[in-house]
Amino acid sequence: MSTPLTIVARIEAKPDQIELVKSELTKLIEPTRAEAGCIQYDLHQDNNQPEVFLFFENWETRELWQAHMENDHLKAYMAATEGAVADFTLNEMSHIG
């Protein structure tokens, strides 16, 4: 049995694009949660830095997460937020305890 994959994705919107980025990120939740292999897909917004968003995700396998990265709803998000994101960091992680 393979080990589940945890993804921590940090998205920082440009200050004048916070609501656009938030709206587009929110649109990803429902279709992603319906995808094969999605265990958890939760979006958070920083209380003190509203331009900072964080997805905390758990996937059954890395392969299923990679399939998610090719889905149309993610491509639509990328197109809609082009030029609106100041910084993006993604960490692939494994649970160790």
C-alpha atoms as a PDB file:
ATOM      1  CA  MET A   1       0.000   0.000   0.000  1.00  0.00           C
ATOM      2  CA  SER A   2       1.369   3.407  -0.923  1.00  0.00           C
ATOM      3  CA  THR A   3       1.774   6.240   1.548  1.00  0.00           C
ATOM      4  CA  PRO A   4      -0.692   9.119   1.224  1.00  0.00           C
ATOM      5  CA  LEU A   5       0.734  12.390  -0.060  1.00  0.00           C
ATOM      6  CA  THR A   6       0.224  15.671   1.770  1.00  0.00           C
ATOM      7  CA  ILE A   7       0.360  18.877  -0.235  1.00  0.00           C
ATOM      8  CA  VAL A   8       0.765  22.295   1.334  1.00  0.00           C
ATOM      9  CA  ALA A   9       0.244  25.005  -1.260  1.00  0.00           C
ATOM     10  CA  ARG A  10       0.764  28.659  -0.290  1.00  0.00           C
ATOM     11  CA  ILE A  11      -0.722  31.255  -2.612  1.00  0.00           C
ATOM     12  CA  GLU A  12      -0.032  34.948  -2.079  1.00  0.00           C
ATOM     13  CA  ALA A  13      -2.292  37.276  -4.012  1.00  0.00           C
ATOM     14  CA  LYS A  14      -1.229  40.728  -5.116  1.00  0.00           C
ATOM     15  CA  PRO A  15      -2.782  43.233  -2.662  1.00  0.00           C
ATOM     16  CA  ASP A  16      -5.284  44.556  -5.198  1.00  0.00           C
ATOM     17  CA  GLN A  17      -6.252  41.048  -6.360  1.00  0.00           C
ATOM     18  CA  ILE A  18      -7.178  39.365  -3.046  1.00  0.00           C
ATOM     19  CA  GLU A  19     -10.892  38.970  -3.768  1.00  0.00           C
ATOM     20  CA  LEU A  20     -10.316  37.669  -7.296  1.00  0.00           C
ATOM     21  CA  VAL A  21      -7.814  35.059  -6.125  1.00  0.00           C
ATOM     22  CA  LYS A  22     -10.034  34.055  -3.188  1.00  0.00           C
ATOM     23  CA  SER A  23     -13.029  33.637  -5.472  1.00  0.00           C
ATOM     24  CA  GLU A  24     -11.080  31.532  -7.971  1.00  0.00           C
ATOM     25  CA  LEU A  25      -9.502  29.367  -5.247  1.00  0.00           C
ATOM     26  CA  THR A  26     -12.917  28.743  -3.715  1.00  0.00           C
ATOM     27  CA  LYS A  27     -14.186  27.465  -7.080  1.00  0.00           C
ATOM     28  CA  LEU A  28     -11.580  24.668  -6.931  1.00  0.00           C
ATOM     29  CA  ILE A  29     -12.877  23.115  -3.701  1.00  0.00           C
ATOM     30  CA  GLU A  30     -16.003  21.243  -4.789  1.00  0.00           C
ATOM     31  CA  PRO A  31     -14.689  19.691  -8.039  1.00  0.00           C
ATOM     32  CA  THR A  32     -11.389  18.744  -6.419  1.00  0.00           C
ATOM     33  CA  ARG A  33     -13.036  17.045  -3.450  1.00  0.00           C
ATOM     34  CA  ALA A  34     -14.970  14.912  -5.960  1.00  0.00           C
ATOM     35  CA  GLU A  35     -11.773  13.708  -7.666  1.00  0.00           C
ATOM     36  CA  ALA A  36     -10.444  10.178  -7.361  1.00  0.00           C
ATOM     37  CA  GLY A  37      -7.866   9.960  -4.591  1.00  0.00           C
ATOM     38  CA  CYS A  38      -8.731  13.210  -2.825  1.00  0.00           C
ATOM     39  CA  ILE A  39      -8.843  12.586   0.933  1.00  0.00           C
ATOM     40  CA  GLN A  40      -8.771  16.211   2.119  1.00  0.00           C
ATOM     41  CA  TYR A  41      -8.735  19.571   0.314  1.00  0.00           C
ATOM     42  CA  ASP A  42      -9.083  22.519   2.666  1.00  0.00           C
ATOM     43  CA  LEU A  43      -8.538  26.198   1.872  1.00  0.00           C
ATOM     44  CA  HIS A  44      -7.410  28.663   4.537  1.00  0.00           C
ATOM     45  CA  GLN A  45      -6.881  32.439   4.561  1.00  0.00           C
ATOM     46  CA  ASP A  46      -4.377  34.085   6.910  1.00  0.00           C
ATOM     47  CA  ASN A  47      -6.069  36.157   9.629  1.00  0.00           C
ATOM     48  CA  ASN A  48      -3.370  38.833   9.650  1.00  0.00           C
ATOM     49  CA  GLN A  49      -2.279  38.764   6.016  1.00  0.00           C
ATOM     50  CA  PRO A  50      -5.479  38.408   3.960  1.00  0.00           C
ATOM     51  CA  GLU A  51      -3.484  38.093   0.747  1.00  0.00           C
ATOM     52  CA  VAL A  52      -2.077  34.730   1.922  1.00  0.00           C
ATOM     53  CA  PHE A  53      -4.018  31.548   1.223  1.00  0.00           C
ATOM     54  CA  LEU A  54      -3.081  27.972   2.031  1.00  0.00           C
ATOM     55  CA  PHE A  55      -4.420  24.708   0.676  1.00  0.00           C
ATOM     56  CA  PHE A  56      -3.896  21.707   2.947  1.00  0.00           C
ATOM     57  CA  GLU A  57      -4.423  18.577   0.885  1.00  0.00           C
ATOM     58  CA  ASN A  58      -4.163  14.840   1.357  1.00  0.00           C
ATOM     59  CA  TRP A  59      -4.153  12.443  -1.586  1.00  0.00           C
ATOM     60  CA  GLU A  60      -4.186   8.641  -1.716  1.00  0.00           C
ATOM     61  CA  THR A  61      -1.176   8.618  -4.062  1.00  0.00           C
ATOM     62  CA  ARG A  62       1.171  11.037  -5.786  1.00  0.00           C
ATOM     63  CA  GLU A  63      -0.118   9.789  -9.143  1.00  0.00           C
ATOM     64  CA  LEU A  64      -3.698  10.751  -8.289  1.00  0.00           C
ATOM     65  CA  TRP A  65      -2.518  14.194  -7.157  1.00  0.00           C
ATOM     66  CA  GLN A  66      -0.631  14.616 -10.435  1.00  0.00           C
ATOM     67  CA  ALA A  67      -3.842  13.751 -12.316  1.00  0.00           C
ATOM     68  CA  HIS A  68      -5.560  16.516 -10.322  1.00  0.00           C
ATOM     69  CA  MET A  69      -2.908  18.971 -11.508  1.00  0.00           C
ATOM     70  CA  GLU A  70      -3.978  18.306 -15.115  1.00  0.00           C
ATOM     71  CA  ASN A  71      -7.725  18.838 -14.587  1.00  0.00           C
ATOM     72  CA  ASP A  72      -9.655  21.518 -16.438  1.00  0.00           C
ATOM     73  CA  HIS A  73     -10.794  23.342 -13.287  1.00  0.00           C
ATOM     74  CA  LEU A  74      -7.161  23.880 -12.264  1.00  0.00           C
ATOM     75  CA  LYS A  75      -6.312  25.119 -15.759  1.00  0.00           C
ATOM     76  CA  ALA A  76      -9.279  27.538 -15.560  1.00  0.00           C
ATOM     77  CA  TYR A  77      -7.990  28.836 -12.202  1.00  0.00           C
ATOM     78  CA  MET A  78      -4.528  29.417 -13.687  1.00  0.00           C
ATOM     79  CA  ALA A  79      -5.989  31.366 -16.601  1.00  0.00           C
ATOM     80  CA  ALA A  80      -8.330  33.435 -14.399  1.00  0.00           C
ATOM     81  CA  THR A  81      -5.594  34.423 -11.931  1.00  0.00           C
ATOM     82  CA  GLU A  82      -2.772  35.056 -14.382  1.00  0.00           C
ATOM     83  CA  GLY A  83      -0.929  38.148 -13.162  1.00  0.00           C
ATOM     84  CA  ALA A  84      -2.890  38.231  -9.870  1.00  0.00           C
ATOM     85  CA  VAL A  85      -0.630  35.941  -7.796  1.00  0.00           C
ATOM     86  CA  ALA A  86       2.507  37.466  -6.257  1.00  0.00           C
ATOM     87  CA  ASP A  87       3.980  34.221  -4.923  1.00  0.00           C
ATOM     88  CA  PHE A  88       3.248  30.492  -4.978  1.00  0.00           C
ATOM     89  CA  THR A  89       4.969  27.753  -3.000  1.00  0.00           C
ATOM     90  CA  LEU A  90       4.082  24.069  -3.088  1.00  0.00           C
ATOM     91  CA  ASN A  91       5.459  21.399  -0.770  1.00  0.00           C
ATOM     92  CA  GLU A  92       4.962  17.665  -1.293  1.00  0.00           C
ATOM     93  CA  MET A  93       5.126  16.099   2.153  1.00  0.00           C
ATOM     94  CA  SER A  94       4.905  12.719   3.881  1.00  0.00           C
ATOM     95  CA  HIS A  95       3.343  12.131   7.288  1.00  0.00           C
ATOM     96  CA  ILE A  96       5.959  10.928   9.774  1.00  0.00           C
ATOM     97  CA  GLY A  97       4.162  10.867  13.092  1.00  0.00           C
END
